[in-house]
C-alpha atoms as a PDB file:
ATOM      1  CA  MET A   1      48.352  94.572  44.076  1.00  0.00           C
ATOM      2  CA  GLU A   2      49.235  98.222  44.721  1.00  0.00           C
ATOM      3  CA  THR A   3      51.908  99.669  42.352  1.00  0.00           C
ATOM      4  CA  LEU A   4      53.844 102.731  41.717  1.00  0.00           C
ATOM      5  CA  LYS A   5      53.229 104.114  38.023  1.00  0.00           C
ATOM      6  CA  THR A   6      56.714 105.419  37.049  1.00  0.00           C
ATOM      7  CA  ASN A   7      55.584 107.939  34.327  1.00  0.00           C
ATOM      8  CA  ILE A   8      58.828 107.136  32.587  1.00  0.00           C
ATOM      9  CA  ASP A   9      57.799 106.154  28.907  1.00  0.00           C
ATOM     10  CA  TRP A  10      60.364 103.325  28.239  1.00  0.00           C
ATOM     11  CA  LEU A  11      59.661 101.689  31.798  1.00  0.00           C
ATOM     12  CA  ASP A  12      55.898 102.094  31.482  1.00  0.00           C
ATOM     13  CA  LYS A  13      56.093  99.982  28.371  1.00  0.00           C
ATOM     14  CA  LEU A  14      57.757  97.232  30.299  1.00  0.00           C
ATOM     15  CA  ILE A  15      55.541  97.576  33.378  1.00  0.00           C
ATOM     16  CA  PRO A  16      52.399  99.306  32.322  1.00  0.00           C
ATOM     17  CA  LYS A  17      50.774  99.294  35.784  1.00  0.00           C
ATOM     18  CA  GLY A  18      53.919  99.967  37.605  1.00  0.00           C
ATOM     19  CA  LEU A  19      56.212  98.483  40.124  1.00  0.00           C
ATOM     20  CA  PRO A  20      54.552  96.506  42.883  1.00  0.00           C
ATOM     21  CA  ILE A  21      54.728  98.301  46.174  1.00  0.00           C
ATOM     22  CA  LYS A  22      55.956  96.542  49.408  1.00  0.00           C
ATOM     23  CA  SER A  23      57.764  93.917  47.300  1.00  0.00           C
ATOM     24  CA  THR A  24      61.340  93.092  47.014  1.00  0.00           C
ATOM     25  CA  THR A  25      63.088  93.673  43.576  1.00  0.00           C
ATOM     26  CA  ILE A  26      66.495  92.267  42.741  1.00  0.00           C
ATOM     27  CA  ILE A  27      68.430  93.851  39.730  1.00  0.00           C
ATOM     28  CA  THR A  28      71.050  91.411  38.880  1.00  0.00           C
ATOM     29  CA  GLY A  29      73.879  91.053  36.219  1.00  0.00           C
ATOM     30  CA  PRO A  30      77.583  91.033  35.692  1.00  0.00           C
ATOM     31  CA  GLY A  31      79.855  93.647  37.182  1.00  0.00           C
ATOM     32  CA  GLY A  32      79.940  97.042  35.433  1.00  0.00           C
ATOM     33  CA  SER A  33      76.623  96.444  33.621  1.00  0.00           C
ATOM     34  CA  GLY A  34      74.821  99.506  35.300  1.00  0.00           C
ATOM     35  CA  LYS A  35      72.542  97.839  37.711  1.00  0.00           C
ATOM     36  CA  PRO A  36      72.278 100.764  40.320  1.00  0.00           C
ATOM     37  CA  LEU A  37      71.559 103.091  37.549  1.00  0.00           C
ATOM     38  CA  ILE A  38      68.169 101.102  36.652  1.00  0.00           C
ATOM     39  CA  GLY A  39      67.429 101.222  40.407  1.00  0.00           C
ATOM     40  CA  GLU A  40      68.077 104.896  40.427  1.00  0.00           C
ATOM     41  CA  THR A  41      65.411 105.516  37.776  1.00  0.00           C
ATOM     42  CA  PHE A  42      62.723 103.914  39.964  1.00  0.00           C
ATOM     43  CA  VAL A  43      64.123 105.976  42.996  1.00  0.00           C
ATOM     44  CA  SER A  44      63.432 109.101  40.972  1.00  0.00           C
ATOM     45  CA  SER A  45      59.776 108.060  40.463  1.00  0.00           C
ATOM     46  CA  TRP A  46      59.423 107.117  43.929  1.00  0.00           C
ATOM     47  CA  LEU A  47      60.420 110.530  45.250  1.00  0.00           C
ATOM     48  CA  LYS A  48      58.324 112.268  42.621  1.00  0.00           C
ATOM     49  CA  ASN A  49      55.416 110.372  43.815  1.00  0.00           C
ATOM     50  CA  GLY A  50      55.673 111.428  47.374  1.00  0.00           C
ATOM     51  CA  GLY A  51      57.516 108.537  48.864  1.00  0.00           C
ATOM     52  CA  SER A  52      60.786 108.339  51.024  1.00  0.00           C
ATOM     53  CA  VAL A  53      63.942 106.673  50.390  1.00  0.00           C
ATOM     54  CA  ILE A  54      66.810 105.046  52.456  1.00  0.00           C
ATOM     55  CA  PHE A  55      69.948 104.926  50.321  1.00  0.00           C
ATOM     56  CA  MET A  56      72.492 102.130  51.107  1.00  0.00           C
ATOM     57  CA  SER A  57      74.941 102.612  48.250  1.00  0.00           C
ATOM     58  CA  LEU A  58      78.048 100.494  48.982  1.00  0.00           C
ATOM     59  CA  GLN A  59      80.077 101.217  45.739  1.00  0.00           C
ATOM     60  CA  TYR A  60      80.213 105.022  46.465  1.00  0.00           C
ATOM     61  CA  PRO A  61      82.635 106.730  48.801  1.00  0.00           C
ATOM     62  CA  ASN A  62      80.153 109.313  49.870  1.00  0.00           C
ATOM     63  CA  THR A  63      76.703 110.620  49.387  1.00  0.00           C
ATOM     64  CA  GLU A  64      77.794 113.212  46.826  1.00  0.00           C
ATOM     65  CA  PHE A  65      78.550 110.345  44.255  1.00  0.00           C
ATOM     66  CA  VAL A  66      74.975 109.113  44.796  1.00  0.00           C
ATOM     67  CA  THR A  67      73.630 112.595  44.361  1.00  0.00           C
ATOM     68  CA  GLU A  68      75.605 113.011  41.186  1.00  0.00           C
ATOM     69  CA  SER A  69      74.715 109.797  39.731  1.00  0.00           C
ATOM     70  CA  ILE A  70      70.883 110.207  40.103  1.00  0.00           C
ATOM     71  CA  LYS A  71      71.386 113.769  38.684  1.00  0.00           C
ATOM     72  CA  GLN A  72      73.126 112.607  35.675  1.00  0.00           C
ATOM     73  CA  VAL A  73      70.907 109.600  35.075  1.00  0.00           C
ATOM     74  CA  THR A  74      67.322 110.901  35.919  1.00  0.00           C
ATOM     75  CA  GLY A  75      67.683 114.670  36.115  1.00  0.00           C
ATOM     76  CA  LEU A  76      66.458 114.603  39.655  1.00  0.00           C
ATOM     77  CA  ASP A  77      68.042 116.990  42.392  1.00  0.00           C
ATOM     78  CA  LEU A  78      68.179 115.148  45.700  1.00  0.00           C
ATOM     79  CA  GLN A  79      68.547 118.392  47.469  1.00  0.00           C
ATOM     80  CA  LYS A  80      64.983 119.177  46.883  1.00  0.00           C
ATOM     81  CA  TYR A  81      64.095 115.978  48.810  1.00  0.00           C
ATOM     82  CA  LYS A  82      66.098 116.321  51.903  1.00  0.00           C
ATOM     83  CA  GLU A  83      63.170 115.561  54.217  1.00  0.00           C
ATOM     84  CA  LYS A  84      62.475 112.361  52.304  1.00  0.00           C
ATOM     85  CA  THR A  85      66.000 110.974  52.145  1.00  0.00           C
ATOM     86  CA  ILE A  86      68.386 109.249  54.388  1.00  0.00           C
ATOM     87  CA  PHE A  87      71.780 107.908  53.497  1.00  0.00           C
ATOM     88  CA  LEU A  88      73.395 105.081  55.256  1.00  0.00           C
ATOM     89  CA  GLN A  89      77.138 105.350  54.646  1.00  0.00           C
ATOM     90  CA  LEU A  90      79.400 102.203  55.101  1.00  0.00           C
ATOM     91  CA  ASP A  91      82.163 102.976  57.462  1.00  0.00           C
ATOM     92  CA  THR A  92      84.365  99.943  58.454  1.00  0.00           C
ATOM     93  CA  GLU A  93      86.438 101.934  60.836  1.00  0.00           C
ATOM     94  CA  ILE A  94      83.844 102.187  63.479  1.00  0.00           C
ATOM     95  CA  SER A  95      82.146  99.256  65.368  1.00  0.00           C
ATOM     96  CA  ASP A  96      78.780 100.450  65.637  1.00  0.00           C
ATOM     97  CA  TYR A  97      77.048 103.602  64.033  1.00  0.00           C
ATOM     98  CA  LYS A  98      77.142 107.265  64.136  1.00  0.00           C
ATOM     99  CA  GLU A  99      74.366 109.833  63.225  1.00  0.00           C
ATOM    100  CA  VAL A 100      76.243 112.494  61.346  1.00  0.00           C
ATOM    101  CA  ASN A 101      73.179 114.541  60.626  1.00  0.00           C
ATOM    102  CA  GLU A 102      69.551 114.144  59.874  1.00  0.00           C
ATOM    103  CA  GLN A 103      70.296 112.863  56.397  1.00  0.00           C
ATOM    104  CA  LEU A 104      73.324 110.829  57.094  1.00  0.00           C
ATOM    105  CA  ILE A 105      74.224 107.818  59.278  1.00  0.00           C
ATOM    106  CA  HIS A 106      77.621 106.297  59.134  1.00  0.00           C
ATOM    107  CA  ALA A 107      77.543 102.541  60.086  1.00  0.00           C
ATOM    108  CA  ASN A 108      79.517  99.296  60.090  1.00  0.00           C
ATOM    109  CA  LEU A 109      76.953  97.785  57.747  1.00  0.00           C
ATOM    110  CA  VAL A 110      78.983  94.479  57.578  1.00  0.00           C
ATOM    111  CA  LYS A 111      77.683  93.550  60.900  1.00  0.00           C
ATOM    112  CA  PRO A 112      74.145  92.177  60.728  1.00  0.00           C
ATOM    113  CA  ASP A 113      72.842  93.726  64.109  1.00  0.00           C
ATOM    114  CA  ILE A 114      74.164  97.022  62.851  1.00  0.00           C
ATOM    115  CA  TRP A 115      72.658  96.551  59.379  1.00  0.00           C
ATOM    116  CA  GLU A 116      69.189  95.886  61.029  1.00  0.00           C
ATOM    117  CA  LYS A 117      69.434  98.602  63.604  1.00  0.00           C
ATOM    118  CA  VAL A 118      70.257 101.572  61.231  1.00  0.00           C
ATOM    119  CA  LEU A 119      67.672 100.457  58.721  1.00  0.00           C
ATOM    120  CA  ASN A 120      65.048 100.777  61.460  1.00  0.00           C
ATOM    121  CA  ILE A 121      66.383 104.052  62.857  1.00  0.00           C
ATOM    122  CA  ALA A 122      66.392 105.557  59.138  1.00  0.00           C
ATOM    123  CA  ALA A 123      62.778 104.413  58.631  1.00  0.00           C
ATOM    124  CA  GLU A 124      61.440 105.837  61.809  1.00  0.00           C
ATOM    125  CA  LYS A 125      62.998 109.261  60.908  1.00  0.00           C
ATOM    126  CA  LEU A 126      61.232 109.354  57.517  1.00  0.00           C
ATOM    127  CA  PRO A 127      57.634 110.074  56.597  1.00  0.00           C
ATOM    128  CA  ASP A 128      55.717 107.015  55.446  1.00  0.00           C
ATOM    129  CA  GLU A 129      53.610 108.753  52.927  1.00  0.00           C
ATOM    130  CA  GLY A 130      52.622 108.210  49.195  1.00  0.00           C
ATOM    131  CA  PRO A 131      54.015 104.812  48.004  1.00  0.00           C
ATOM    132  CA  GLY A 132      55.833 104.581  51.425  1.00  0.00           C
ATOM    133  CA  ILE A 133      59.448 103.900  52.252  1.00  0.00           C
ATOM    134  CA  LEU A 134      61.900 102.448  49.609  1.00  0.00           C
ATOM    135  CA  ILE A 135      65.029 100.865  50.661  1.00  0.00           C
ATOM    136  CA  PHE A 136      67.486 101.228  47.835  1.00  0.00           C
ATOM    137  CA  CYS A 137      70.562  99.033  48.316  1.00  0.00           C
ATOM    138  CA  SER A 138      73.143  99.000  45.601  1.00  0.00           C
ATOM    139  CA  ALA A 139      76.211  96.624  45.370  1.00  0.00           C
ATOM    140  CA  LEU A 140      74.825  94.785  48.438  1.00  0.00           C
ATOM    141  CA  ASN A 141      76.874  91.745  47.679  1.00  0.00           C
ATOM    142  CA  LEU A 142      80.093  93.573  48.698  1.00  0.00           C
ATOM    143  CA  LEU A 143      78.979  92.908  52.375  1.00  0.00           C
ATOM    144  CA  LEU A 144      79.256  89.120  51.839  1.00  0.00           C
ATOM    145  CA  PHE A 145      83.174  89.404  51.544  1.00  0.00           C
ATOM    146  CA  SER A 146      83.665  89.625  55.116  1.00  0.00           C
ATOM    147  CA  PRO A 147      85.275  86.568  56.603  1.00  0.00           C
ATOM    148  CA  THR A 148      83.544  86.964  59.904  1.00  0.00           C
ATOM    149  CA  TYR A 149      80.242  88.313  59.132  1.00  0.00           C
ATOM    150  CA  GLY A 150      79.681  87.276  55.469  1.00  0.00           C
ATOM    151  CA  ASP A 151      77.360  84.353  56.210  1.00  0.00           C
ATOM    152  CA  ALA A 152      75.513  86.030  58.831  1.00  0.00           C
ATOM    153  CA  ILE A 153      74.824  89.218  56.949  1.00  0.00           C
ATOM    154  CA  PHE A 154      73.747  87.087  54.048  1.00  0.00           C
ATOM    155  CA  ASP A 155      71.127  85.336  56.388  1.00  0.00           C
ATOM    156  CA  LYS A 156      70.089  88.843  57.535  1.00  0.00           C
ATOM    157  CA  ILE A 157      69.574  90.014  53.959  1.00  0.00           C
ATOM    158  CA  LYS A 158      67.589  86.880  53.170  1.00  0.00           C
ATOM    159  CA  GLU A 159      65.327  87.380  56.329  1.00  0.00           C
ATOM    160  CA  ALA A 160      64.567  90.842  55.270  1.00  0.00           C
ATOM    161  CA  ILE A 161      63.350  89.744  51.814  1.00  0.00           C
ATOM    162  CA  VAL A 162      61.284  86.861  53.330  1.00  0.00           C
ATOM    163  CA  THR A 163      59.678  88.753  56.059  1.00  0.00           C
ATOM    164  CA  ASN A 164      59.258  92.172  54.273  1.00  0.00           C
ATOM    165  CA  SER A 165      55.664  93.274  54.425  1.00  0.00           C
ATOM    166  CA  ASP A 166      55.613  97.060  55.071  1.00  0.00           C
ATOM    167  CA  LYS A 167      58.424  98.532  52.825  1.00  0.00           C
ATOM    168  CA  THR A 168      59.701  98.210  49.327  1.00  0.00           C
ATOM    169  CA  PHE A 169      63.281  96.945  48.575  1.00  0.00           C
ATOM    170  CA  ILE A 170      65.127  97.407  45.417  1.00  0.00           C
ATOM    171  CA  ILE A 171      68.537  95.612  45.599  1.00  0.00           C
ATOM    172  CA  SER A 172      71.354  95.419  42.949  1.00  0.00           C
ATOM    173  CA  VAL A 173      73.799  92.614  43.159  1.00  0.00           C
ATOM    174  CA  SER A 174      76.610  91.512  40.926  1.00  0.00           C
ATOM    175  CA  THR A 175      76.784  87.954  39.426  1.00  0.00           C
ATOM    176  CA  SER A 176      80.554  88.214  38.902  1.00  0.00           C
ATOM    177  CA  ALA A 177      81.233  86.905  42.472  1.00  0.00           C
ATOM    178  CA  LYS A 178      79.425  85.022  45.245  1.00  0.00           C
ATOM    179  CA  VAL A 179      77.311  83.221  42.437  1.00  0.00           C
ATOM    180  CA  ASN A 180      75.584  80.734  44.820  1.00  0.00           C
ATOM    181  CA  GLU A 181      74.465  83.466  47.198  1.00  0.00           C
ATOM    182  CA  ILE A 182      73.250  85.725  44.313  1.00  0.00           C
ATOM    183  CA  LYS A 183      71.311  82.839  42.919  1.00  0.00           C
ATOM    184  CA  GLN A 184      69.475  82.330  46.157  1.00  0.00           C
ATOM    185  CA  LEU A 185      68.500  86.185  46.178  1.00  0.00           C
ATOM    186  CA  GLU A 186      67.234  86.006  42.624  1.00  0.00           C
ATOM    187  CA  GLU A 187      65.016  83.038  43.566  1.00  0.00           C
ATOM    188  CA  MET A 188      63.650  84.565  46.707  1.00  0.00           C
ATOM    189  CA  ALA A 189      62.785  88.034  45.429  1.00  0.00           C
ATOM    190  CA  ASP A 190      59.287  89.039  44.260  1.00  0.00           C
ATOM    191  CA  ASN A 191      60.607  90.733  41.254  1.00  0.00           C
ATOM    192  CA  LEU A 192      63.711  90.015  39.235  1.00  0.00           C
ATOM    193  CA  ILE A 193      65.368  92.224  36.564  1.00  0.00           C
ATOM    194  CA  LEU A 194      68.287  91.355  34.467  1.00  0.00           C
ATOM    195  CA  SER A 195      70.832  94.038  33.566  1.00  0.00           C
ATOM    196  CA  THR A 196      73.455  93.632  30.806  1.00  0.00           C
ATOM    197  CA  SER A 197      75.788  95.962  28.810  1.00  0.00           C
ATOM    198  CA  LYS A 198      77.572  96.132  25.650  1.00  0.00           C
ATOM    199  CA  LYS A 199      80.455  98.164  24.775  1.00  0.00           C
ATOM    200  CA  LYS A 200      81.737 100.252  21.878  1.00  0.00           C
ATOM    201  CA  PRO A 201      79.632 102.282  22.411  1.00  0.00           C
ATOM    202  CA  PHE A 202      78.731 101.584  26.040  1.00  0.00           C
ATOM    203  CA  ARG A 203      75.050 100.722  26.216  1.00  0.00           C
ATOM    204  CA  LEU A 204      72.841  99.483  29.152  1.00  0.00           C
ATOM    205  CA  TYR A 205      69.992  97.031  28.667  1.00  0.00           C
ATOM    206  CA  MET A 206      67.468  95.439  31.111  1.00  0.00           C
ATOM    207  CA  LYS A 207      64.980  92.560  30.853  1.00  0.00           C
ATOM    208  CA  ILE A 208      62.351  91.843  33.413  1.00  0.00           C
ATOM    209  CA  ILE A 209      62.305  88.121  34.390  1.00  0.00           C
ATOM    210  CA  ARG A 210      59.586  88.147  37.100  1.00  0.00           C
ATOM    211  CA  MET A 211      57.026  90.696  38.453  1.00  0.00           C
ATOM    212  CA  LYS A 212      54.759  89.903  41.383  1.00  0.00           C
ATOM    213  CA  GLY A 213      51.073  90.226  40.665  1.00  0.00           C
ATOM    214  CA  VAL A 214      51.334  92.528  37.690  1.00  0.00           C
ATOM    215  CA  ASP A 215      51.711  92.033  33.847  1.00  0.00           C
ATOM    216  CA  PHE A 216      55.015  92.990  32.384  1.00  0.00           C
ATOM    217  CA  SER A 217      56.891  92.675  29.061  1.00  0.00           C
ATOM    218  CA  SER A 218      59.735  90.306  28.797  1.00  0.00           C
ATOM    219  CA  ASP A 219      61.237  92.248  26.048  1.00  0.00           C
ATOM    220  CA  GLU A 220      64.848  93.411  26.312  1.00  0.00           C
ATOM    221  CA  MET A 221      64.929  97.277  26.536  1.00  0.00           C
ATOM    222  CA  GLN A 222      67.843  99.543  26.026  1.00  0.00           C
ATOM    223  CA  VAL A 223      67.999 102.117  28.997  1.00  0.00           C
ATOM    224  CA  PRO A 224      68.177 105.491  27.527  1.00  0.00           C
ATOM    225  CA  ILE A 225      71.431 106.600  29.255  1.00  0.00           C
ATOM    226  CA  SER A 226      74.203 108.102  27.140  1.00  0.00           C
ATOM    227  CA  PRO A 227      77.614 106.142  26.741  1.00  0.00           C
ATOM    228  CA  GLU A 228      79.392 109.054  28.197  1.00  0.00           C
ATOM    229  CA  THR A 229      77.279 109.008  31.291  1.00  0.00           C
ATOM    230  CA  LEU A 230      77.515 105.240  31.645  1.00  0.00           C
ATOM    231  CA  MET A 231      81.389 105.540  31.476  1.00  0.00           C
ATOM    232  CA  HIS A 232      81.534 108.139  34.015  1.00  0.00           C
ATOM    233  CA  MET A 233      79.227 106.225  36.474  1.00  0.00           C
ATOM    234  CA  LYS A 234      81.425 103.142  35.994  1.00  0.00           C
ATOM    235  CA  GLY A 235      84.639 105.020  36.945  1.00  0.00           C
ATOM    236  CA  MET A 236      82.916 106.182  40.056  1.00  0.00           C
ATOM    237  CA  ALA A 237      81.719 102.707  41.050  1.00  0.00           C
ATOM    238  CA  ASN A 238      85.247 101.249  40.538  1.00  0.00           C
ATOM    239  CA  HIS A 239      85.907 102.740  43.945  1.00  0.00           C
ATOM    240  CA  SER A 240      84.581  99.536  45.394  1.00  0.00           C
ATOM    241  CA  LYS A 241      87.369  97.451  43.852  1.00  0.00           C
ATOM    242  CA  VAL A 242      89.976  99.774  45.069  1.00  0.00           C
ATOM    243  CA  LYS A 243      88.879 100.618  48.671  1.00  0.00           C
ATOM    244  CA  VAL A 244      85.556  98.980  49.675  1.00  0.00           C
ATOM    245  CA  ILE A 245      86.338  95.130  49.092  1.00  0.00           C
ATOM    246  CA  PRO A 246      89.732  95.444  50.828  1.00  0.00           C
ATOM    247  CA  ALA A 247      88.181  97.053  53.957  1.00  0.00           C
ATOM    248  CA  ILE A 248      85.294  94.443  54.080  1.00  0.00           C
ATOM    249  CA  LEU A 249      87.979  91.527  53.768  1.00  0.00           C
ATOM    250  CA  LYS A 250      89.510  92.774  57.082  1.00  0.00           C
ATOM    251  CA  ILE A 251      86.353  92.355  59.107  1.00  0.00           C
END
């Protein structure tokens, strides 16, 4: 099993040999428990090791929020990795997709055919070097709220997990809604990570439930992110409740 050594002390204690490459990881937990921040930690290591990343961060209104989040959580400046990153921005006001620039594609990601099409377009644009191409999807369950496309996009996501053989997926999903669907994704994933949080002060924890082909520690680990940063990131992510979900509900 080929792996990515993170070279992050607290993560290396949990997965000493690293994250399995060309596998699918689901990071799951209740809303507001910091799931994307755990994923961003893996993203930082991936880019530092020469890989490329496709971002599909549905809870953020624009790419600047993603860039700020990763900078605050990991210290990584995404501006230094422009040739290795592409952002897929949810845009429910268009029917198809629009390539804004080399790093940004606006797309109606609620539609299964568009979801698949822009992922392929982005992958073709990026160098497949080092550990390869990582597809990082955060708050992916928001797409399931579409009355028209919810079931179909769910089938497309499951298909991607089952048929994946040449890319690495890290997907964060909330267990606070669409419980049955999230349970299915948890069962299908190669790797499963549980995210929880505690308040006063705000603290983030993770526990590995399953890893494909590598030894891991099942101890619960506190993620070393300050309460202030966690609160700031949570405030940014609340955008999804205010704007993203109502927009998807109309499709």
